[in-house]
């Protein structure tokens, strides 16, 4: 099995979101690689976030390597999901 901690995740954010800034900082501290996408600059990203969160534009939303999404997750939840 490939170490899923090395698989990138996608973090859907905005520039003004405090929770987004906090999660990105925590991911960096934990050494978890991620790609950031600003939902205000990318219509496809906004659509993904709306779909993943039952119509709510909830940020941060994290797309996991398996395609599932987590709305405003704790870094511990992300780590556990990646390790599973």
PDB file of N, CA and C in Angstrom:
ATOM      1  N   UNK A   1       0.841  -1.187   0.000  1.00  0.00           N
ATOM      2  CA  UNK A   1       0.000   0.000   0.000  1.00  0.00           C
ATOM      3  C   UNK A   1       0.881   1.243   0.000  1.00  0.00           C
ATOM      4  N   UNK A   2       0.526   2.208  -0.823  1.00  0.00           N
ATOM      5  CA  UNK A   2       1.258   3.461  -0.896  1.00  0.00           C
ATOM      6  C   UNK A   2       0.947   4.292   0.339  1.00  0.00           C
ATOM      7  N   UNK A   3       1.943   4.981   0.861  1.00  0.00           N
ATOM      8  CA  UNK A   3       1.741   5.855   2.022  1.00  0.00           C
ATOM      9  C   UNK A   3       0.849   7.015   1.614  1.00  0.00           C
ATOM     10  N   UNK A   4      -0.400   6.999   2.056  1.00  0.00           N
ATOM     11  CA  UNK A   4      -1.347   8.029   1.650  1.00  0.00           C
ATOM     12  C   UNK A   4      -1.017   9.394   2.234  1.00  0.00           C
ATOM     13  N   UNK A   5      -0.130   9.458   3.241  1.00  0.00           N
ATOM     14  CA  UNK A   5       0.277  10.764   3.754  1.00  0.00           C
ATOM     15  C   UNK A   5       1.035  11.554   2.687  1.00  0.00           C
ATOM     16  N   UNK A   6       1.544  10.869   1.669  1.00  0.00           N
ATOM     17  CA  UNK A   6       2.270  11.561   0.616  1.00  0.00           C
ATOM     18  C   UNK A   6       1.347  11.991  -0.526  1.00  0.00           C
ATOM     19  N   UNK A   7       0.140  11.471  -0.562  1.00  0.00           N
ATOM     20  CA  UNK A   7      -0.822  11.869  -1.578  1.00  0.00           C
ATOM     21  C   UNK A   7      -1.345  13.260  -1.252  1.00  0.00           C
ATOM     22  N   UNK A   8      -1.363  14.156  -2.229  1.00  0.00           N
ATOM     23  CA  UNK A   8      -1.837  15.510  -1.926  1.00  0.00           C
ATOM     24  C   UNK A   8      -3.345  15.547  -1.693  1.00  0.00           C
ATOM     25  N   UNK A   9      -3.714  16.468  -0.843  1.00  0.00           N
ATOM     26  CA  UNK A   9      -5.126  16.764  -0.643  1.00  0.00           C
ATOM     27  C   UNK A   9      -5.363  18.152  -1.242  1.00  0.00           C
ATOM     28  N   UNK A  10      -6.618  18.483  -1.471  1.00  0.00           N
ATOM     29  CA  UNK A  10      -6.965  19.803  -1.976  1.00  0.00           C
ATOM     30  C   UNK A  10      -7.761  20.521  -0.903  1.00  0.00           C
ATOM     31  N   UNK A  11      -7.343  21.747  -0.599  1.00  0.00           N
ATOM     32  CA  UNK A  11      -8.028  22.564   0.389  1.00  0.00           C
ATOM     33  C   UNK A  11      -8.694  23.711  -0.345  1.00  0.00           C
ATOM     34  N   UNK A  12     -10.011  23.742  -0.288  1.00  0.00           N
ATOM     35  CA  UNK A  12     -10.794  24.804  -0.929  1.00  0.00           C
ATOM     36  C   UNK A  12     -10.971  25.917   0.100  1.00  0.00           C
ATOM     37  N   UNK A  13     -10.559  27.136  -0.289  1.00  0.00           N
ATOM     38  CA  UNK A  13     -10.468  28.247   0.646  1.00  0.00           C
ATOM     39  C   UNK A  13     -10.992  29.548   0.040  1.00  0.00           C
ATOM     40  N   UNK A  14     -10.912  30.601   0.861  1.00  0.00           N
ATOM     41  CA  UNK A  14     -11.036  31.983   0.412  1.00  0.00           C
ATOM     42  C   UNK A  14      -9.898  32.754   1.083  1.00  0.00           C
ATOM     43  N   UNK A  15      -9.646  33.960   0.617  1.00  0.00           N
ATOM     44  CA  UNK A  15      -8.558  34.753   1.194  1.00  0.00           C
ATOM     45  C   UNK A  15      -8.910  35.294   2.576  1.00  0.00           C
ATOM     46  N   UNK A  16     -10.190  35.457   2.877  1.00  0.00           N
ATOM     47  CA  UNK A  16     -10.623  36.092   4.125  1.00  0.00           C
ATOM     48  C   UNK A  16     -10.989  35.112   5.233  1.00  0.00           C
ATOM     49  N   UNK A  17     -10.906  33.829   4.979  1.00  0.00           N
ATOM     50  CA  UNK A  17     -11.372  32.805   5.920  1.00  0.00           C
ATOM     51  C   UNK A  17     -10.319  32.481   6.980  1.00  0.00           C
ATOM     52  N   UNK A  18     -10.618  32.831   8.233  1.00  0.00           N
ATOM     53  CA  UNK A  18      -9.711  32.534   9.343  1.00  0.00           C
ATOM     54  C   UNK A  18      -9.518  31.045   9.571  1.00  0.00           C
ATOM     55  N   UNK A  19     -10.589  30.272   9.439  1.00  0.00           N
ATOM     56  CA  UNK A  19     -10.485  28.815   9.617  1.00  0.00           C
ATOM     57  C   UNK A  19      -9.604  28.203   8.537  1.00  0.00           C
ATOM     58  N   UNK A  20      -9.654  28.769   7.344  1.00  0.00           N
ATOM     59  CA  UNK A  20      -8.815  28.281   6.241  1.00  0.00           C
ATOM     60  C   UNK A  20      -7.342  28.524   6.555  1.00  0.00           C
ATOM     61  N   UNK A  21      -7.035  29.725   7.014  1.00  0.00           N
ATOM     62  CA  UNK A  21      -5.651  30.062   7.358  1.00  0.00           C
ATOM     63  C   UNK A  21      -5.132  29.153   8.457  1.00  0.00           C
ATOM     64  N   UNK A  22      -5.959  28.909   9.463  1.00  0.00           N
ATOM     65  CA  UNK A  22      -5.559  28.049  10.575  1.00  0.00           C
ATOM     66  C   UNK A  22      -5.296  26.622  10.092  1.00  0.00           C
ATOM     67  N   UNK A  23      -6.204  26.068   9.277  1.00  0.00           N
ATOM     68  CA  UNK A  23      -6.029  24.699   8.796  1.00  0.00           C
ATOM     69  C   UNK A  23      -4.784  24.579   7.926  1.00  0.00           C
ATOM     70  N   UNK A  24      -4.552  25.529   7.044  1.00  0.00           N
ATOM     71  CA  UNK A  24      -3.362  25.479   6.187  1.00  0.00           C
ATOM     72  C   UNK A  24      -2.089  25.517   7.029  1.00  0.00           C
ATOM     73  N   UNK A  25      -2.070  26.337   8.057  1.00  0.00           N
ATOM     74  CA  UNK A  25      -0.917  26.411   8.951  1.00  0.00           C
ATOM     75  C   UNK A  25      -0.699  25.080   9.669  1.00  0.00           C
ATOM     76  N   UNK A  26      -1.775  24.462  10.142  1.00  0.00           N
ATOM     77  CA  UNK A  26      -1.677  23.175  10.829  1.00  0.00           C
ATOM     78  C   UNK A  26      -1.191  22.082   9.876  1.00  0.00           C
ATOM     79  N   UNK A  27      -1.689  22.088   8.655  1.00  0.00           N
ATOM     80  CA  UNK A  27      -1.243  21.099   7.669  1.00  0.00           C
ATOM     81  C   UNK A  27       0.244  21.254   7.386  1.00  0.00           C
ATOM     82  N   UNK A  28       0.704  22.486   7.260  1.00  0.00           N
ATOM     83  CA  UNK A  28       2.125  22.735   7.024  1.00  0.00           C
ATOM     84  C   UNK A  28       2.963  22.244   8.201  1.00  0.00           C
ATOM     85  N   UNK A  29       2.512  22.527   9.421  1.00  0.00           N
ATOM     86  CA  UNK A  29       3.240  22.063  10.616  1.00  0.00           C
ATOM     87  C   UNK A  29       3.309  20.542  10.676  1.00  0.00           C
ATOM     88  N   UNK A  30       2.255  19.879  10.227  1.00  0.00           N
ATOM     89  CA  UNK A  30       2.206  18.411  10.258  1.00  0.00           C
ATOM     90  C   UNK A  30       2.910  17.778   9.064  1.00  0.00           C
ATOM     91  N   UNK A  31       3.352  18.598   8.126  1.00  0.00           N
ATOM     92  CA  UNK A  31       4.044  18.081   6.942  1.00  0.00           C
ATOM     93  C   UNK A  31       3.121  17.402   5.949  1.00  0.00           C
ATOM     94  N   UNK A  32       1.853  17.776   5.949  1.00  0.00           N
ATOM     95  CA  UNK A  32       0.879  17.185   5.033  1.00  0.00           C
ATOM     96  C   UNK A  32       0.786  18.072   3.801  1.00  0.00           C
ATOM     97  N   UNK A  33       1.198  17.549   2.635  1.00  0.00           N
ATOM     98  CA  UNK A  33       1.153  18.362   1.421  1.00  0.00           C
ATOM     99  C   UNK A  33      -0.285  18.605   0.977  1.00  0.00           C
ATOM    100  N   UNK A  34      -0.519  19.786   0.413  1.00  0.00           N
ATOM    101  CA  UNK A  34      -1.854  20.102  -0.073  1.00  0.00           C
ATOM    102  C   UNK A  34      -1.773  21.096  -1.213  1.00  0.00           C
ATOM    103  N   UNK A  35      -2.832  21.105  -1.995  1.00  0.00           N
ATOM    104  CA  UNK A  35      -3.029  22.092  -3.041  1.00  0.00           C
ATOM    105  C   UNK A  35      -4.165  22.984  -2.580  1.00  0.00           C
ATOM    106  N   UNK A  36      -3.989  24.286  -2.714  1.00  0.00           N
ATOM    107  CA  UNK A  36      -5.010  25.245  -2.310  1.00  0.00           C
ATOM    108  C   UNK A  36      -5.735  25.774  -3.537  1.00  0.00           C
ATOM    109  N   UNK A  37      -7.073  25.863  -3.432  1.00  0.00           N
ATOM    110  CA  UNK A  37      -7.885  26.419  -4.507  1.00  0.00           C
ATOM    111  C   UNK A  37      -8.842  27.439  -3.894  1.00  0.00           C
ATOM    112  N   UNK A  38      -8.811  28.661  -4.413  1.00  0.00           N
ATOM    113  CA  UNK A  38      -9.678  29.743  -3.942  1.00  0.00           C
ATOM    114  C   UNK A  38     -11.033  29.629  -4.645  1.00  0.00           C
ATOM    115  N   UNK A  39     -12.084  29.374  -3.881  1.00  0.00           N
ATOM    116  CA  UNK A  39     -13.411  29.173  -4.472  1.00  0.00           C
ATOM    117  C   UNK A  39     -13.994  30.449  -5.058  1.00  0.00           C
ATOM    118  N   UNK A  40     -13.453  31.598  -4.669  1.00  0.00           N
ATOM    119  CA  UNK A  40     -13.946  32.856  -5.219  1.00  0.00           C
ATOM    120  C   UNK A  40     -13.330  33.166  -6.582  1.00  0.00           C
ATOM    121  N   UNK A  41     -12.295  32.427  -6.940  1.00  0.00           N
ATOM    122  CA  UNK A  41     -11.623  32.631  -8.231  1.00  0.00           C
ATOM    123  C   UNK A  41     -11.805  31.453  -9.174  1.00  0.00           C
ATOM    124  N   UNK A  42     -12.491  30.407  -8.722  1.00  0.00           N
ATOM    125  CA  UNK A  42     -12.611  29.188  -9.513  1.00  0.00           C
ATOM    126  C   UNK A  42     -14.040  28.658  -9.385  1.00  0.00           C
ATOM    127  N   UNK A  43     -14.826  28.835 -10.451  1.00  0.00           N
ATOM    128  CA  UNK A  43     -16.233  28.422 -10.421  1.00  0.00           C
ATOM    129  C   UNK A  43     -16.403  26.920 -10.233  1.00  0.00           C
ATOM    130  N   UNK A  44     -15.524  26.111 -10.842  1.00  0.00           N
ATOM    131  CA  UNK A  44     -15.619  24.661 -10.674  1.00  0.00           C
ATOM    132  C   UNK A  44     -15.377  24.269  -9.216  1.00  0.00           C
ATOM    133  N   UNK A  45     -14.442  24.940  -8.579  1.00  0.00           N
ATOM    134  CA  UNK A  45     -14.156  24.665  -7.161  1.00  0.00           C
ATOM    135  C   UNK A  45     -15.352  25.026  -6.296  1.00  0.00           C
ATOM    136  N   UNK A  46     -15.958  26.179  -6.577  1.00  0.00           N
ATOM    137  CA  UNK A  46     -17.141  26.595  -5.814  1.00  0.00           C
ATOM    138  C   UNK A  46     -18.268  25.587  -5.977  1.00  0.00           C
ATOM    139  N   UNK A  47     -18.450  25.094  -7.184  1.00  0.00           N
ATOM    140  CA  UNK A  47     -19.485  24.086  -7.441  1.00  0.00           C
ATOM    141  C   UNK A  47     -19.192  22.806  -6.663  1.00  0.00           C
ATOM    142  N   UNK A  48     -17.930  22.378  -6.651  1.00  0.00           N
ATOM    143  CA  UNK A  48     -17.559  21.183  -5.891  1.00  0.00           C
ATOM    144  C   UNK A  48     -17.890  21.362  -4.413  1.00  0.00           C
ATOM    145  N   UNK A  49     -17.518  22.513  -3.847  1.00  0.00           N
ATOM    146  CA  UNK A  49     -17.762  22.777  -2.426  1.00  0.00           C
ATOM    147  C   UNK A  49     -19.256  22.805  -2.129  1.00  0.00           C
ATOM    148  N   UNK A  50     -20.030  23.449  -2.976  1.00  0.00           N
ATOM    149  CA  UNK A  50     -21.487  23.488  -2.789  1.00  0.00           C
ATOM    150  C   UNK A  50     -22.079  22.085  -2.810  1.00  0.00           C
ATOM    151  N   UNK A  51     -21.639  21.278  -3.749  1.00  0.00           N
ATOM    152  CA  UNK A  51     -22.143  19.904  -3.875  1.00  0.00           C
ATOM    153  C   UNK A  51     -21.733  19.056  -2.672  1.00  0.00           C
ATOM    154  N   UNK A  52     -20.498  19.204  -2.237  1.00  0.00           N
ATOM    155  CA  UNK A  52     -19.976  18.399  -1.131  1.00  0.00           C
ATOM    156  C   UNK A  52     -20.624  18.750   0.200  1.00  0.00           C
ATOM    157  N   UNK A  53     -21.164  19.962   0.304  1.00  0.00           N
ATOM    158  CA  UNK A  53     -21.701  20.439   1.582  1.00  0.00           C
ATOM    159  C   UNK A  53     -23.191  20.765   1.510  1.00  0.00           C
ATOM    160  N   UNK A  54     -23.917  19.996   0.718  1.00  0.00           N
ATOM    161  CA  UNK A  54     -25.378  20.129   0.627  1.00  0.00           C
ATOM    162  C   UNK A  54     -25.838  21.556   0.359  1.00  0.00           C
ATOM    163  N   UNK A  55     -25.148  22.233  -0.567  1.00  0.00           N
ATOM    164  CA  UNK A  55     -25.546  23.577  -0.970  1.00  0.00           C
ATOM    165  C   UNK A  55     -24.912  24.703  -0.190  1.00  0.00           C
ATOM    166  N   UNK A  56     -24.077  24.390   0.789  1.00  0.00           N
ATOM    167  CA  UNK A  56     -23.408  25.423   1.580  1.00  0.00           C
ATOM    168  C   UNK A  56     -22.000  25.663   1.031  1.00  0.00           C
ATOM    169  N   UNK A  57     -21.620  26.919   0.892  1.00  0.00           N
ATOM    170  CA  UNK A  57     -20.274  27.263   0.454  1.00  0.00           C
ATOM    171  C   UNK A  57     -19.368  27.286   1.689  1.00  0.00           C
ATOM    172  N   UNK A  58     -19.124  26.104   2.227  1.00  0.00           N
ATOM    173  CA  UNK A  58     -18.384  25.926   3.474  1.00  0.00           C
ATOM    174  C   UNK A  58     -16.892  25.808   3.186  1.00  0.00           C
ATOM    175  N   UNK A  59     -16.129  26.734   3.745  1.00  0.00           N
ATOM    176  CA  UNK A  59     -14.679  26.667   3.634  1.00  0.00           C
ATOM    177  C   UNK A  59     -14.077  26.709   5.027  1.00  0.00           C
ATOM    178  N   UNK A  60     -13.002  25.988   5.267  1.00  0.00           N
ATOM    179  CA  UNK A  60     -12.336  25.154   4.300  1.00  0.00           C
ATOM    180  C   UNK A  60     -13.081  23.835   4.075  1.00  0.00           C
ATOM    181  N   UNK A  61     -13.060  23.404   2.843  1.00  0.00           N
ATOM    182  CA  UNK A  61     -13.497  22.063   2.497  1.00  0.00           C
ATOM    183  C   UNK A  61     -12.267  21.350   1.958  1.00  0.00           C
ATOM    184  N   UNK A  62     -12.054  20.122   2.401  1.00  0.00           N
ATOM    185  CA  UNK A  62     -10.877  19.360   2.011  1.00  0.00           C
ATOM    186  C   UNK A  62     -11.313  18.170   1.172  1.00  0.00           C
ATOM    187  N   UNK A  63     -10.736  18.076  -0.023  1.00  0.00           N
ATOM    188  CA  UNK A  63     -10.965  16.915  -0.886  1.00  0.00           C
ATOM    189  C   UNK A  63      -9.827  15.932  -0.635  1.00  0.00           C
ATOM    190  N   UNK A  64     -10.190  14.735  -0.205  1.00  0.00           N
ATOM    191  CA  UNK A  64      -9.219  13.710   0.118  1.00  0.00           C
ATOM    192  C   UNK A  64      -8.780  12.983  -1.164  1.00  0.00           C
ATOM    193  N   UNK A  65      -7.655  12.259  -1.103  1.00  0.00           N
ATOM    194  CA  UNK A  65      -7.179  11.546  -2.291  1.00  0.00           C
ATOM    195  C   UNK A  65      -8.191  10.554  -2.873  1.00  0.00           C
ATOM    196  N   UNK A  66      -9.091  10.025  -2.041  1.00  0.00           N
ATOM    197  CA  UNK A  66     -10.097   9.075  -2.525  1.00  0.00           C
ATOM    198  C   UNK A  66     -11.311   9.767  -3.142  1.00  0.00           C
ATOM    199  N   UNK A  67     -11.301  11.119  -3.171  1.00  0.00           N
ATOM    200  CA  UNK A  67     -12.402  11.872  -3.763  1.00  0.00           C
ATOM    201  C   UNK A  67     -13.459  12.324  -2.776  1.00  0.00           C
ATOM    202  N   UNK A  68     -13.410  11.832  -1.556  1.00  0.00           N
ATOM    203  CA  UNK A  68     -14.380  12.258  -0.543  1.00  0.00           C
ATOM    204  C   UNK A  68     -14.032  13.668  -0.066  1.00  0.00           C
ATOM    205  N   UNK A  69     -14.988  14.307   0.580  1.00  0.00           N
ATOM    206  CA  UNK A  69     -14.788  15.683   1.035  1.00  0.00           C
ATOM    207  C   UNK A  69     -15.134  15.814   2.513  1.00  0.00           C
ATOM    208  N   UNK A  70     -14.395  16.702   3.183  1.00  0.00           N
ATOM    209  CA  UNK A  70     -14.615  17.001   4.592  1.00  0.00           C
ATOM    210  C   UNK A  70     -14.822  18.501   4.725  1.00  0.00           C
ATOM    211  N   UNK A  71     -15.909  18.909   5.345  1.00  0.00           N
ATOM    212  CA  UNK A  71     -16.183  20.323   5.560  1.00  0.00           C
ATOM    213  C   UNK A  71     -15.634  20.797   6.889  1.00  0.00           C
ATOM    214  N   UNK A  72     -14.742  21.771   6.838  1.00  0.00           N
ATOM    215  CA  UNK A  72     -14.127  22.382   8.013  1.00  0.00           C
ATOM    216  C   UNK A  72     -13.597  21.333   9.000  1.00  0.00           C
ATOM    217  N   UNK A  73     -12.746  20.433   8.517  1.00  0.00           N
ATOM    218  CA  UNK A  73     -12.261  19.357   9.386  1.00  0.00           C
ATOM    219  C   UNK A  73     -11.110  19.800  10.279  1.00  0.00           C
ATOM    220  N   UNK A  74     -10.946  19.104  11.377  1.00  0.00           N
ATOM    221  CA  UNK A  74      -9.761  19.275  12.222  1.00  0.00           C
ATOM    222  C   UNK A  74      -8.600  18.564  11.545  1.00  0.00           C
ATOM    223  N   UNK A  75      -7.397  19.060  11.750  1.00  0.00           N
ATOM    224  CA  UNK A  75      -6.229  18.425  11.145  1.00  0.00           C
ATOM    225  C   UNK A  75      -6.088  16.981  11.638  1.00  0.00           C
ATOM    226  N   UNK A  76      -6.498  16.701  12.865  1.00  0.00           N
ATOM    227  CA  UNK A  76      -6.425  15.332  13.390  1.00  0.00           C
ATOM    228  C   UNK A  76      -7.319  14.383  12.591  1.00  0.00           C
ATOM    229  N   UNK A  77      -8.456  14.876  12.136  1.00  0.00           N
ATOM    230  CA  UNK A  77      -9.361  14.053  11.314  1.00  0.00           C
ATOM    231  C   UNK A  77      -8.714  13.767   9.962  1.00  0.00           C
ATOM    232  N   UNK A  78      -8.088  14.771   9.382  1.00  0.00           N
ATOM    233  CA  UNK A  78      -7.407  14.587   8.098  1.00  0.00           C
ATOM    234  C   UNK A  78      -6.288  13.569   8.246  1.00  0.00           C
ATOM    235  N   UNK A  79      -5.458  13.715   9.291  1.00  0.00           N
ATOM    236  CA  UNK A  79      -4.368  12.777   9.527  1.00  0.00           C
ATOM    237  C   UNK A  79      -4.890  11.353   9.678  1.00  0.00           C
ATOM    238  N   UNK A  80      -5.953  11.172  10.440  1.00  0.00           N
ATOM    239  CA  UNK A  80      -6.511   9.840  10.653  1.00  0.00           C
ATOM    240  C   UNK A  80      -7.027   9.248   9.347  1.00  0.00           C
ATOM    241  N   UNK A  81      -7.697  10.047   8.545  1.00  0.00           N
ATOM    242  CA  UNK A  81      -8.221   9.559   7.264  1.00  0.00           C
ATOM    243  C   UNK A  81      -7.086   9.183   6.310  1.00  0.00           C
ATOM    244  N   UNK A  82      -6.024   9.981   6.291  1.00  0.00           N
ATOM    245  CA  UNK A  82      -4.888   9.680   5.419  1.00  0.00           C
ATOM    246  C   UNK A  82      -4.159   8.432   5.866  1.00  0.00           C
ATOM    247  N   UNK A  83      -4.112   8.193   7.157  1.00  0.00           N
ATOM    248  CA  UNK A  83      -3.394   7.036   7.699  1.00  0.00           C
ATOM    249  C   UNK A  83      -4.172   5.731   7.536  1.00  0.00           C
ATOM    250  N   UNK A  84      -5.492   5.845   7.336  1.00  0.00           N
ATOM    251  CA  UNK A  84      -6.335   4.642   7.242  1.00  0.00           C
ATOM    252  C   UNK A  84      -6.102   3.882   5.959  1.00  0.00           C
TER     253      UNK A  84
END
